[in-house]
Amino acid sequence: MLVLTDVQKVHLAVRPIDAAGNQAPVDGKPTWAAGGANPEILELVPSDDGLSCDVFTVGPLGTAQVQVNADADMGEGIVPIVGLLDIEVQASQAVSVAIDAGTPEPK
């Protein structure tokens, strides 16, 4: 699992591999999506060719998943392959102290 703070981003890149662990081509442009328990905590900005994606945390804490889908069949058919990355967004370092007041009441 990749851990990010609520003020970070990360650059991800796809590396399709075959059964022997060698880099392999994919047909067309891979597509990216946020999923998992809290997909709304991430903003994804894929590159034009779909081979990479910048992932931004947007504030709330929690866990989410980044999914990339590609086509392994280099011909007219489609053989879908999927890559998944779990991400946990944690609070960043404190920068100030908030004071919360209770409800005023008579003395």
Protein backbone atom coordinates (compact mmCIF):
# COMPACT_ATOMS: atom_id res chain seq x y z
CA MET A 1 0.00 0.00 0.00
CA LEU A 2 1.24 3.45 -0.91
CA VAL A 3 0.85 6.00 1.90
CA LEU A 4 0.37 9.68 1.03
CA THR A 5 -0.44 12.64 3.21
CA ASP A 6 -3.42 14.88 2.52
CA VAL A 7 -1.10 17.46 0.87
CA GLN A 8 0.85 15.18 -1.50
CA LYS A 9 0.71 13.89 -5.05
CA VAL A 10 2.42 10.99 -6.81
CA HIS A 11 3.29 10.16 -10.43
CA LEU A 12 2.37 6.61 -11.49
CA ALA A 13 3.44 4.85 -14.68
CA VAL A 14 2.29 1.55 -16.18
CA ARG A 15 4.74 -1.22 -16.99
CA PRO A 16 2.82 -4.09 -18.60
CA ILE A 17 4.65 -7.40 -18.11
CA ASP A 18 4.24 -10.89 -19.52
CA ALA A 19 4.13 -14.20 -17.61
CA ALA A 20 7.95 -14.31 -17.46
CA GLY A 21 8.20 -10.77 -16.03
CA ASN A 22 9.34 -9.15 -19.29
CA GLN A 23 7.95 -5.82 -20.41
CA ALA A 24 5.14 -6.35 -22.94
CA PRO A 25 3.15 -4.04 -25.22
CA VAL A 26 -0.53 -3.17 -24.82
CA ASP A 27 -2.97 -2.21 -27.55
CA GLY A 28 -4.41 1.28 -27.36
CA LYS A 29 -4.46 3.74 -24.51
CA PRO A 30 -4.74 2.43 -20.92
CA THR A 31 -7.53 3.99 -18.84
CA TRP A 32 -7.29 5.09 -15.20
CA ALA A 33 -9.93 5.25 -12.46
CA ALA A 34 -10.17 5.77 -8.71
CA GLY A 35 -12.05 3.10 -6.78
CA GLY A 36 -12.10 1.26 -3.50
CA ALA A 37 -13.68 2.44 -0.26
CA ASN A 38 -13.21 6.21 -0.78
CA PRO A 39 -12.46 7.03 -4.44
CA GLU A 40 -13.42 10.68 -3.86
CA ILE A 41 -10.23 11.29 -1.82
CA LEU A 42 -8.10 11.10 -4.98
CA GLU A 43 -7.98 13.15 -8.18
CA LEU A 44 -6.45 11.40 -11.19
CA VAL A 45 -4.88 13.24 -14.14
CA PRO A 46 -3.79 10.68 -16.77
CA SER A 47 -1.22 11.55 -19.43
CA ASP A 48 -2.36 11.94 -23.04
CA ASP A 49 -1.05 8.47 -23.95
CA GLY A 50 -2.45 6.81 -20.80
CA LEU A 51 0.91 5.34 -19.85
CA SER A 52 1.19 7.46 -16.71
CA CYS A 53 -1.03 9.35 -14.31
CA ASP A 54 -0.59 12.03 -11.65
CA VAL A 55 -2.58 11.27 -8.50
CA PHE A 56 -3.46 14.11 -6.13
CA THR A 57 -4.91 13.80 -2.64
CA VAL A 58 -7.84 16.20 -2.25
CA GLY A 59 -8.05 16.57 1.54
CA PRO A 60 -10.12 13.87 3.26
CA LEU A 61 -8.36 10.91 4.91
CA GLY A 62 -8.99 7.25 4.18
CA THR A 63 -8.17 4.48 1.73
CA ALA A 64 -8.78 4.25 -2.00
CA GLN A 65 -7.52 2.32 -4.98
CA VAL A 66 -6.11 3.38 -8.32
CA GLN A 67 -7.01 1.07 -11.20
CA VAL A 68 -5.53 1.02 -14.69
CA ASN A 69 -7.10 -1.05 -17.48
CA ALA A 70 -5.38 -2.06 -20.70
CA ASP A 71 -5.84 -4.41 -23.67
CA ALA A 72 -3.17 -7.14 -23.94
CA ASP A 73 -4.34 -8.38 -27.38
CA MET A 74 -2.31 -6.59 -30.04
CA GLY A 75 -4.86 -7.52 -32.70
CA GLU A 76 -8.56 -6.86 -33.18
CA GLY A 77 -9.61 -8.84 -30.10
CA ILE A 78 -9.62 -7.63 -26.52
CA VAL A 79 -7.85 -9.30 -23.62
CA PRO A 80 -8.38 -7.03 -20.62
CA ILE A 81 -5.65 -6.71 -18.01
CA VAL A 82 -5.89 -4.67 -14.82
CA GLY A 83 -3.39 -3.08 -12.45
CA LEU A 84 -4.40 -2.05 -8.92
CA LEU A 85 -2.65 0.12 -6.34
CA ASP A 86 -4.01 0.62 -2.82
CA ILE A 87 -3.47 4.10 -1.40
CA GLU A 88 -3.94 5.31 2.16
CA VAL A 89 -4.24 9.05 2.75
CA GLN A 90 -3.04 10.12 6.20
CA ALA A 91 -3.02 13.50 7.92
CA SER A 92 -0.04 15.72 7.21
CA GLN A 93 2.02 17.47 9.90
CA ALA A 94 0.12 19.96 12.08
CA VAL A 95 0.65 23.60 11.10
CA SER A 96 -1.53 25.36 13.71
CA VAL A 97 -3.81 24.72 16.68
CA ALA A 98 -7.57 25.12 16.42
CA ILE A 99 -9.56 26.04 19.55
CA ASP A 100 -13.08 24.66 19.72
CA ALA A 101 -15.53 26.43 22.04
CA GLY A 102 -18.40 24.73 23.80
CA THR A 103 -21.89 26.23 24.12
CA PRO A 104 -21.95 29.33 26.36
CA GLU A 105 -23.99 28.84 29.56
CA PRO A 106 -24.99 30.89 32.63
CA LYS A 107 -22.50 31.10 35.51
